[in-house]
PDB file of N, CA and C in Angstrom:
ATOM      1  N   MET A   1     -16.210 -13.809  -5.850  1.00  0.00           N
ATOM      2  CA  MET A   1     -15.749 -14.334  -4.577  1.00  0.00           C
ATOM      3  C   MET A   1     -15.648 -13.181  -3.578  1.00  0.00           C
ATOM      4  N   ASN A   2     -16.200 -13.374  -2.420  1.00  0.00           N
ATOM      5  CA  ASN A   2     -16.086 -12.394  -1.346  1.00  0.00           C
ATOM      6  C   ASN A   2     -14.961 -12.806  -0.420  1.00  0.00           C
ATOM      7  N   ILE A   3     -14.088 -11.869  -0.157  1.00  0.00           N
ATOM      8  CA  ILE A   3     -12.975 -12.134   0.749  1.00  0.00           C
ATOM      9  C   ILE A   3     -12.915 -10.992   1.752  1.00  0.00           C
ATOM     10  N   GLN A   4     -12.670 -11.328   2.980  1.00  0.00           N
ATOM     11  CA  GLN A   4     -12.619 -10.316   4.030  1.00  0.00           C
ATOM     12  C   GLN A   4     -11.402  -9.429   3.820  1.00  0.00           C
ATOM     13  N   THR A   5     -11.588  -8.139   4.028  1.00  0.00           N
ATOM     14  CA  THR A   5     -10.479  -7.198   3.885  1.00  0.00           C
ATOM     15  C   THR A   5      -9.460  -7.410   4.996  1.00  0.00           C
ATOM     16  N   ILE A   6      -8.275  -6.874   4.804  1.00  0.00           N
ATOM     17  CA  ILE A   6      -7.228  -7.023   5.816  1.00  0.00           C
ATOM     18  C   ILE A   6      -7.377  -5.947   6.884  1.00  0.00           C
ATOM     19  N   ARG A   7      -6.721  -6.158   7.995  1.00  0.00           N
ATOM     20  CA  ARG A   7      -6.746  -5.168   9.082  1.00  0.00           C
ATOM     21  C   ARG A   7      -6.009  -3.909   8.628  1.00  0.00           C
ATOM     22  N   GLN A   8      -6.372  -2.785   9.203  1.00  0.00           N
ATOM     23  CA  GLN A   8      -5.677  -1.536   8.906  1.00  0.00           C
ATOM     24  C   GLN A   8      -4.289  -1.566   9.531  1.00  0.00           C
ATOM     25  N   PHE A   9      -3.384  -0.825   8.931  1.00  0.00           N
ATOM     26  CA  PHE A   9      -2.020  -0.754   9.442  1.00  0.00           C
ATOM     27  C   PHE A   9      -1.990  -0.032  10.781  1.00  0.00           C
ATOM     28  N   GLU A  10      -1.233  -0.587  11.724  1.00  0.00           N
ATOM     29  CA  GLU A  10      -0.951   0.059  13.008  1.00  0.00           C
ATOM     30  C   GLU A  10       0.531  -0.134  13.279  1.00  0.00           C
ATOM     31  N   SER A  11       1.250   0.965  13.473  1.00  0.00           N
ATOM     32  CA  SER A  11       2.708   0.879  13.622  1.00  0.00           C
ATOM     33  C   SER A  11       3.140   0.229  14.926  1.00  0.00           C
ATOM     34  N   GLY A  12       2.391   0.437  15.983  1.00  0.00           N
ATOM     35  CA  GLY A  12       2.723  -0.180  17.268  1.00  0.00           C
ATOM     36  C   GLY A  12       4.112   0.174  17.762  1.00  0.00           C
ATOM     37  N   ARG A  13       4.737  -0.758  18.456  1.00  0.00           N
ATOM     38  CA  ARG A  13       6.041  -0.507  19.078  1.00  0.00           C
ATOM     39  C   ARG A  13       7.204  -0.711  18.117  1.00  0.00           C
ATOM     40  N   ASN A  14       6.964  -1.431  17.028  1.00  0.00           N
ATOM     41  CA  ASN A  14       8.021  -1.696  16.056  1.00  0.00           C
ATOM     42  C   ASN A  14       7.477  -1.392  14.655  1.00  0.00           C
ATOM     43  N   PRO A  15       7.493  -0.113  14.262  1.00  0.00           N
ATOM     44  CA  PRO A  15       6.895   0.278  12.988  1.00  0.00           C
ATOM     45  C   PRO A  15       7.471  -0.442  11.770  1.00  0.00           C
ATOM     46  N   ALA A  16       8.781  -0.656  11.742  1.00  0.00           N
ATOM     47  CA  ALA A  16       9.397  -1.321  10.588  1.00  0.00           C
ATOM     48  C   ALA A  16       8.870  -2.742  10.428  1.00  0.00           C
ATOM     49  N   GLU A  17       8.788  -3.468  11.520  1.00  0.00           N
ATOM     50  CA  GLU A  17       8.281  -4.838  11.472  1.00  0.00           C
ATOM     51  C   GLU A  17       6.788  -4.849  11.146  1.00  0.00           C
ATOM     52  N   ALA A  18       6.044  -3.911  11.731  1.00  0.00           N
ATOM     53  CA  ALA A  18       4.608  -3.827  11.454  1.00  0.00           C
ATOM     54  C   ALA A  18       4.362  -3.561   9.968  1.00  0.00           C
ATOM     55  N   TRP A  19       5.155  -2.659   9.383  1.00  0.00           N
ATOM     56  CA  TRP A  19       5.021  -2.354   7.956  1.00  0.00           C
ATOM     57  C   TRP A  19       5.351  -3.585   7.108  1.00  0.00           C
ATOM     58  N   LYS A  20       6.431  -4.256   7.434  1.00  0.00           N
ATOM     59  CA  LYS A  20       6.847  -5.444   6.678  1.00  0.00           C
ATOM     60  C   LYS A  20       5.731  -6.488   6.657  1.00  0.00           C
ATOM     61  N   LEU A  21       5.143  -6.756   7.814  1.00  0.00           N
ATOM     62  CA  LEU A  21       4.081  -7.759   7.908  1.00  0.00           C
ATOM     63  C   LEU A  21       2.797  -7.300   7.220  1.00  0.00           C
ATOM     64  N   TRP A  22       2.438  -6.022   7.405  1.00  0.00           N
ATOM     65  CA  TRP A  22       1.226  -5.507   6.771  1.00  0.00           C
ATOM     66  C   TRP A  22       1.370  -5.533   5.253  1.00  0.00           C
ATOM     67  N   LYS A  23       2.541  -5.175   4.768  1.00  0.00           N
ATOM     68  CA  LYS A  23       2.787  -5.177   3.325  1.00  0.00           C
ATOM     69  C   LYS A  23       2.638  -6.590   2.745  1.00  0.00           C
ATOM     70  N   GLN A  24       3.119  -7.588   3.460  1.00  0.00           N
ATOM     71  CA  GLN A  24       2.951  -8.981   3.017  1.00  0.00           C
ATOM     72  C   GLN A  24       1.470  -9.362   2.996  1.00  0.00           C
ATOM     73  N   ASP A  25       0.754  -8.972   4.042  1.00  0.00           N
ATOM     74  CA  ASP A  25      -0.690  -9.247   4.096  1.00  0.00           C
ATOM     75  C   ASP A  25      -1.424  -8.550   2.947  1.00  0.00           C
ATOM     76  N   PHE A  26      -1.013  -7.323   2.654  1.00  0.00           N
ATOM     77  CA  PHE A  26      -1.638  -6.565   1.571  1.00  0.00           C
ATOM     78  C   PHE A  26      -1.397  -7.246   0.224  1.00  0.00           C
ATOM     79  N   ALA A  27      -0.184  -7.712  -0.020  1.00  0.00           N
ATOM     80  CA  ALA A  27       0.128  -8.422  -1.268  1.00  0.00           C
ATOM     81  C   ALA A  27      -0.738  -9.673  -1.396  1.00  0.00           C
ATOM     82  N   ASP A  28      -0.884 -10.406  -0.302  1.00  0.00           N
ATOM     83  CA  ASP A  28      -1.741 -11.599  -0.310  1.00  0.00           C
ATOM     84  C   ASP A  28      -3.196 -11.228  -0.581  1.00  0.00           C
ATOM     85  N   PHE A  29      -3.650 -10.146   0.041  1.00  0.00           N
ATOM     86  CA  PHE A  29      -5.024  -9.685  -0.155  1.00  0.00           C
ATOM     87  C   PHE A  29      -5.264  -9.326  -1.621  1.00  0.00           C
ATOM     88  N   LEU A  30      -4.318  -8.598  -2.236  1.00  0.00           N
ATOM     89  CA  LEU A  30      -4.476  -8.231  -3.646  1.00  0.00           C
ATOM     90  C   LEU A  30      -4.643  -9.467  -4.524  1.00  0.00           C
ATOM     91  N   LYS A  31      -3.835 -10.477  -4.262  1.00  0.00           N
ATOM     92  CA  LYS A  31      -3.907 -11.710  -5.055  1.00  0.00           C
ATOM     93  C   LYS A  31      -5.212 -12.457  -4.794  1.00  0.00           C
ATOM     94  N   ALA A  32      -5.527 -12.660  -3.531  1.00  0.00           N
ATOM     95  CA  ALA A  32      -6.711 -13.445  -3.166  1.00  0.00           C
ATOM     96  C   ALA A  32      -8.008 -12.783  -3.621  1.00  0.00           C
ATOM     97  N   ALA A  33      -8.046 -11.461  -3.579  1.00  0.00           N
ATOM     98  CA  ALA A  33      -9.262 -10.737  -3.945  1.00  0.00           C
ATOM     99  C   ALA A  33      -9.342 -10.448  -5.445  1.00  0.00           C
ATOM    100  N   GLY A  34      -8.295 -10.813  -6.183  1.00  0.00           N
ATOM    101  CA  GLY A  34      -8.311 -10.625  -7.629  1.00  0.00           C
ATOM    102  C   GLY A  34      -7.883  -9.256  -8.106  1.00  0.00           C
ATOM    103  N   TYR A  35      -7.308  -8.455  -7.225  1.00  0.00           N
ATOM    104  CA  TYR A  35      -6.876  -7.113  -7.610  1.00  0.00           C
ATOM    105  C   TYR A  35      -5.466  -7.078  -8.199  1.00  0.00           C
ATOM    106  N   ALA A  36      -4.686  -8.116  -7.999  1.00  0.00           N
ATOM    107  CA  ALA A  36      -3.281  -8.112  -8.423  1.00  0.00           C
ATOM    108  C   ALA A  36      -3.123  -7.901  -9.925  1.00  0.00           C
ATOM    109  N   THR A  37      -4.104  -8.305 -10.700  1.00  0.00           N
ATOM    110  CA  THR A  37      -4.015  -8.161 -12.153  1.00  0.00           C
ATOM    111  C   THR A  37      -4.775  -6.946 -12.674  1.00  0.00           C
ATOM    112  N   GLN A  38      -5.314  -6.163 -11.771  1.00  0.00           N
ATOM    113  CA  GLN A  38      -6.061  -4.970 -12.165  1.00  0.00           C
ATOM    114  C   GLN A  38      -5.106  -3.822 -12.506  1.00  0.00           C
ATOM    115  N   SER A  39      -5.658  -2.717 -12.961  1.00  0.00           N
ATOM    116  CA  SER A  39      -4.860  -1.546 -13.333  1.00  0.00           C
ATOM    117  C   SER A  39      -4.157  -0.965 -12.109  1.00  0.00           C
ATOM    118  N   GLU A  40      -3.116  -0.210 -12.363  1.00  0.00           N
ATOM    119  CA  GLU A  40      -2.396   0.454 -11.275  1.00  0.00           C
ATOM    120  C   GLU A  40      -3.322   1.407 -10.532  1.00  0.00           C
ATOM    121  N   LYS A  41      -4.196   2.064 -11.264  1.00  0.00           N
ATOM    122  CA  LYS A  41      -5.151   2.987 -10.642  1.00  0.00           C
ATOM    123  C   LYS A  41      -6.032   2.251  -9.631  1.00  0.00           C
ATOM    124  N   THR A  42      -6.481   1.066  -9.998  1.00  0.00           N
ATOM    125  CA  THR A  42      -7.309   0.264  -9.095  1.00  0.00           C
ATOM    126  C   THR A  42      -6.501  -0.205  -7.896  1.00  0.00           C
ATOM    127  N   LYS A  43      -5.292  -0.708  -8.127  1.00  0.00           N
ATOM    128  CA  LYS A  43      -4.465  -1.204  -7.020  1.00  0.00           C
ATOM    129  C   LYS A  43      -4.114  -0.090  -6.036  1.00  0.00           C
ATOM    130  N   THR A  44      -3.820   1.107  -6.538  1.00  0.00           N
ATOM    131  CA  THR A  44      -3.503   2.203  -5.616  1.00  0.00           C
ATOM    132  C   THR A  44      -4.749   2.637  -4.848  1.00  0.00           C
ATOM    133  N   ALA A  45      -5.911   2.575  -5.497  1.00  0.00           N
ATOM    134  CA  ALA A  45      -7.161   2.904  -4.802  1.00  0.00           C
ATOM    135  C   ALA A  45      -7.449   1.885  -3.704  1.00  0.00           C
ATOM    136  N   VAL A  46      -7.210   0.615  -3.984  1.00  0.00           N
ATOM    137  CA  VAL A  46      -7.409  -0.425  -2.968  1.00  0.00           C
ATOM    138  C   VAL A  46      -6.458  -0.181  -1.803  1.00  0.00           C
ATOM    139  N   PHE A  47      -5.215   0.158  -2.093  1.00  0.00           N
ATOM    140  CA  PHE A  47      -4.250   0.464  -1.031  1.00  0.00           C
ATOM    141  C   PHE A  47      -4.786   1.574  -0.130  1.00  0.00           C
ATOM    142  N   ARG A  48      -5.214   2.677  -0.735  1.00  0.00           N
ATOM    143  CA  ARG A  48      -5.716   3.804   0.057  1.00  0.00           C
ATOM    144  C   ARG A  48      -6.968   3.424   0.842  1.00  0.00           C
ATOM    145  N   HIS A  49      -7.758   2.528   0.294  1.00  0.00           N
ATOM    146  CA  HIS A  49      -9.002   2.118   0.953  1.00  0.00           C
ATOM    147  C   HIS A  49      -8.748   1.256   2.186  1.00  0.00           C
ATOM    148  N   VAL A  50      -7.788   0.356   2.119  1.00  0.00           N
ATOM    149  CA  VAL A  50      -7.589  -0.598   3.217  1.00  0.00           C
ATOM    150  C   VAL A  50      -6.470  -0.225   4.185  1.00  0.00           C
ATOM    151  N   CYS A  51      -5.637   0.758   3.847  1.00  0.00           N
ATOM    152  CA  CYS A  51      -4.427   1.005   4.646  1.00  0.00           C
ATOM    153  C   CYS A  51      -4.691   1.558   6.043  1.00  0.00           C
ATOM    154  N   GLY A  52      -5.750   2.302   6.226  1.00  0.00           N
ATOM    155  CA  GLY A  52      -6.028   2.878   7.537  1.00  0.00           C
ATOM    156  C   GLY A  52      -5.536   4.310   7.653  1.00  0.00           C
ATOM    157  N   ASP A  53      -5.986   4.977   8.691  1.00  0.00           N
ATOM    158  CA  ASP A  53      -5.711   6.403   8.867  1.00  0.00           C
ATOM    159  C   ASP A  53      -4.229   6.727   9.005  1.00  0.00           C
ATOM    160  N   GLU A  54      -3.489   5.882   9.695  1.00  0.00           N
ATOM    161  CA  GLU A  54      -2.069   6.160   9.916  1.00  0.00           C
ATOM    162  C   GLU A  54      -1.310   6.252   8.591  1.00  0.00           C
ATOM    163  N   LEU A  55      -1.503   5.284   7.713  1.00  0.00           N
ATOM    164  CA  LEU A  55      -0.816   5.315   6.419  1.00  0.00           C
ATOM    165  C   LEU A  55      -1.408   6.377   5.502  1.00  0.00           C
ATOM    166  N   LYS A  56      -2.714   6.592   5.567  1.00  0.00           N
ATOM    167  CA  LYS A  56      -3.331   7.628   4.729  1.00  0.00           C
ATOM    168  C   LYS A  56      -2.752   8.996   5.048  1.00  0.00           C
ATOM    169  N   THR A  57      -2.575   9.287   6.318  1.00  0.00           N
ATOM    170  CA  THR A  57      -2.000  10.570   6.718  1.00  0.00           C
ATOM    171  C   THR A  57      -0.598  10.720   6.147  1.00  0.00           C
ATOM    172  N   GLN A  58       0.201   9.685   6.271  1.00  0.00           N
ATOM    173  CA  GLN A  58       1.560   9.718   5.734  1.00  0.00           C
ATOM    174  C   GLN A  58       1.538   9.803   4.208  1.00  0.00           C
ATOM    175  N   TYR A  59       0.661   9.055   3.579  1.00  0.00           N
ATOM    176  CA  TYR A  59       0.551   9.055   2.115  1.00  0.00           C
ATOM    177  C   TYR A  59       0.263  10.460   1.599  1.00  0.00           C
ATOM    178  N   ARG A  60      -0.634  11.148   2.261  1.00  0.00           N
ATOM    179  CA  ARG A  60      -1.010  12.498   1.823  1.00  0.00           C
ATOM    180  C   ARG A  60       0.141  13.490   1.956  1.00  0.00           C
ATOM    181  N   SER A  61       1.099  13.187   2.818  1.00  0.00           N
ATOM    182  CA  SER A  61       2.242  14.089   2.989  1.00  0.00           C
ATOM    183  C   SER A  61       3.353  13.812   1.973  1.00  0.00           C
ATOM    184  N   LEU A  62       3.270  12.686   1.284  1.00  0.00           N
ATOM    185  CA  LEU A  62       4.289  12.335   0.294  1.00  0.00           C
ATOM    186  C   LEU A  62       3.985  13.019  -1.036  1.00  0.00           C
ATOM    187  N   ASP A  63       5.030  13.367  -1.745  1.00  0.00           N
ATOM    188  CA  ASP A  63       4.863  13.987  -3.058  1.00  0.00           C
ATOM    189  C   ASP A  63       5.347  12.998  -4.117  1.00  0.00           C
ATOM    190  N   ILE A  64       4.541  11.979  -4.358  1.00  0.00           N
ATOM    191  CA  ILE A  64       4.919  10.929  -5.297  1.00  0.00           C
ATOM    192  C   ILE A  64       4.276  11.228  -6.647  1.00  0.00           C
ATOM    193  N   LYS A  65       5.096  11.270  -7.663  1.00  0.00           N
ATOM    194  CA  LYS A  65       4.630  11.521  -9.027  1.00  0.00           C
ATOM    195  C   LYS A  65       4.899  10.281  -9.879  1.00  0.00           C
ATOM    196  N   PRO A  66       4.139  10.100 -10.946  1.00  0.00           N
ATOM    197  CA  PRO A  66       4.447   8.994 -11.862  1.00  0.00           C
ATOM    198  C   PRO A  66       5.874   9.136 -12.393  1.00  0.00           C
ATOM    199  N   LYS A  67       6.494   8.008 -12.663  1.00  0.00           N
ATOM    200  CA  LYS A  67       7.851   8.027 -13.211  1.00  0.00           C
ATOM    201  C   LYS A  67       7.838   8.674 -14.590  1.00  0.00           C
ATOM    202  N   ALA A  68       9.001   9.176 -15.006  1.00  0.00           N
ATOM    203  CA  ALA A  68       9.130   9.813 -16.317  1.00  0.00           C
ATOM    204  C   ALA A  68       8.609   8.878 -17.405  1.00  0.00           C
ATOM    205  N   GLY A  69       7.776   9.414 -18.268  1.00  0.00           N
ATOM    206  CA  GLY A  69       7.208   8.628 -19.352  1.00  0.00           C
ATOM    207  C   GLY A  69       5.967   7.844 -18.972  1.00  0.00           C
ATOM    208  N   GLU A  70       5.614   7.832 -17.699  1.00  0.00           N
ATOM    209  CA  GLU A  70       4.420   7.120 -17.222  1.00  0.00           C
ATOM    210  C   GLU A  70       3.282   8.118 -17.037  1.00  0.00           C
ATOM    211  N   THR A  71       2.070   7.646 -17.181  1.00  0.00           N
ATOM    212  CA  THR A  71       0.917   8.532 -17.009  1.00  0.00           C
ATOM    213  C   THR A  71       0.228   8.364 -15.663  1.00  0.00           C
ATOM    214  N   GLU A  72       0.503   7.237 -14.992  1.00  0.00           N
ATOM    215  CA  GLU A  72      -0.136   7.030 -13.696  1.00  0.00           C
ATOM    216  C   GLU A  72       0.856   6.500 -12.669  1.00  0.00           C
ATOM    217  N   LEU A  73       0.547   6.782 -11.441  1.00  0.00           N
ATOM    218  CA  LEU A  73       1.355   6.330 -10.314  1.00  0.00           C
ATOM    219  C   LEU A  73       1.187   4.827 -10.153  1.00  0.00           C
ATOM    220  N   LYS A  74       2.282   4.141  -9.896  1.00  0.00           N
ATOM    221  CA  LYS A  74       2.228   2.689  -9.717  1.00  0.00           C
ATOM    222  C   LYS A  74       2.248   2.348  -8.231  1.00  0.00           C
ATOM    223  N   LEU A  75       1.557   1.293  -7.894  1.00  0.00           N
ATOM    224  CA  LEU A  75       1.519   0.832  -6.511  1.00  0.00           C
ATOM    225  C   LEU A  75       2.931   0.597  -5.987  1.00  0.00           C
ATOM    226  N   GLU A  76       3.787   0.037  -6.807  1.00  0.00           N
ATOM    227  CA  GLU A  76       5.170  -0.240  -6.405  1.00  0.00           C
ATOM    228  C   GLU A  76       5.882   1.025  -5.917  1.00  0.00           C
ATOM    229  N   GLN A  77       5.621   2.155  -6.564  1.00  0.00           N
ATOM    230  CA  GLN A  77       6.226   3.420  -6.140  1.00  0.00           C
ATOM    231  C   GLN A  77       5.768   3.804  -4.735  1.00  0.00           C
ATOM    232  N   ILE A  78       4.492   3.627  -4.475  1.00  0.00           N
ATOM    233  CA  ILE A  78       3.947   3.958  -3.157  1.00  0.00           C
ATOM    234  C   ILE A  78       4.567   3.057  -2.096  1.00  0.00           C
ATOM    235  N   LEU A  79       4.602   1.763  -2.377  1.00  0.00           N
ATOM    236  CA  LEU A  79       5.179   0.820  -1.419  1.00  0.00           C
ATOM    237  C   LEU A  79       6.660   1.110  -1.194  1.00  0.00           C
ATOM    238  N   ASP A  80       7.376   1.472  -2.252  1.00  0.00           N
ATOM    239  CA  ASP A  80       8.798   1.826  -2.118  1.00  0.00           C
ATOM    240  C   ASP A  80       8.990   3.039  -1.211  1.00  0.00           C
ATOM    241  N   GLU A  81       8.107   4.022  -1.334  1.00  0.00           N
ATOM    242  CA  GLU A  81       8.203   5.215  -0.477  1.00  0.00           C
ATOM    243  C   GLU A  81       7.975   4.851   0.988  1.00  0.00           C
ATOM    244  N   PHE A  82       7.034   3.975   1.235  1.00  0.00           N
ATOM    245  CA  PHE A  82       6.805   3.540   2.610  1.00  0.00           C
ATOM    246  C   PHE A  82       7.944   2.669   3.118  1.00  0.00           C
ATOM    247  N   ASP A  83       8.549   1.877   2.236  1.00  0.00           N
ATOM    248  CA  ASP A  83       9.744   1.116   2.631  1.00  0.00           C
ATOM    249  C   ASP A  83      10.823   2.075   3.125  1.00  0.00           C
ATOM    250  N   LYS A  84      11.032   3.164   2.392  1.00  0.00           N
ATOM    251  CA  LYS A  84      12.034   4.169   2.800  1.00  0.00           C
ATOM    252  C   LYS A  84      11.638   4.814   4.123  1.00  0.00           C
ATOM    253  N   PHE A  85      10.358   5.113   4.258  1.00  0.00           N
ATOM    254  CA  PHE A  85       9.875   5.769   5.469  1.00  0.00           C
ATOM    255  C   PHE A  85      10.083   4.891   6.697  1.00  0.00           C
ATOM    256  N   PHE A  86       9.775   3.611   6.558  1.00  0.00           N
ATOM    257  CA  PHE A  86       9.901   2.707   7.697  1.00  0.00           C
ATOM    258  C   PHE A  86      11.282   2.073   7.800  1.00  0.00           C
ATOM    259  N   VAL A  87      12.142   2.316   6.818  1.00  0.00           N
ATOM    260  CA  VAL A  87      13.547   1.891   6.800  1.00  0.00           C
ATOM    261  C   VAL A  87      13.740   0.457   7.271  1.00  0.00           C
ATOM    262  N   TYR A  88      13.305  -0.449   6.440  1.00  0.00           N
ATOM    263  CA  TYR A  88      13.592  -1.849   6.751  1.00  0.00           C
ATOM    264  C   TYR A  88      14.334  -2.485   5.615  1.00  0.00           C
TER     265      TYR A  88
END
């Protein structure tokens, strides 16, 4: 199934609200495109692919490591860091 990708994130005048809405759209995209059940590595790659330059720049400045006992970074960790960044 081919599904159109989502728009890139743009913070605009209300970054917290923009993040909240984009994150919901991203969750829907993962489900609709069949990525929701894929590996964490795939889901994080999809995030980096569709998020846009603004989030990529911020992502690269974050020092997110896999949780203790984990071997790979989880998408949830990345989204949690952005939740903190946008404080909503």
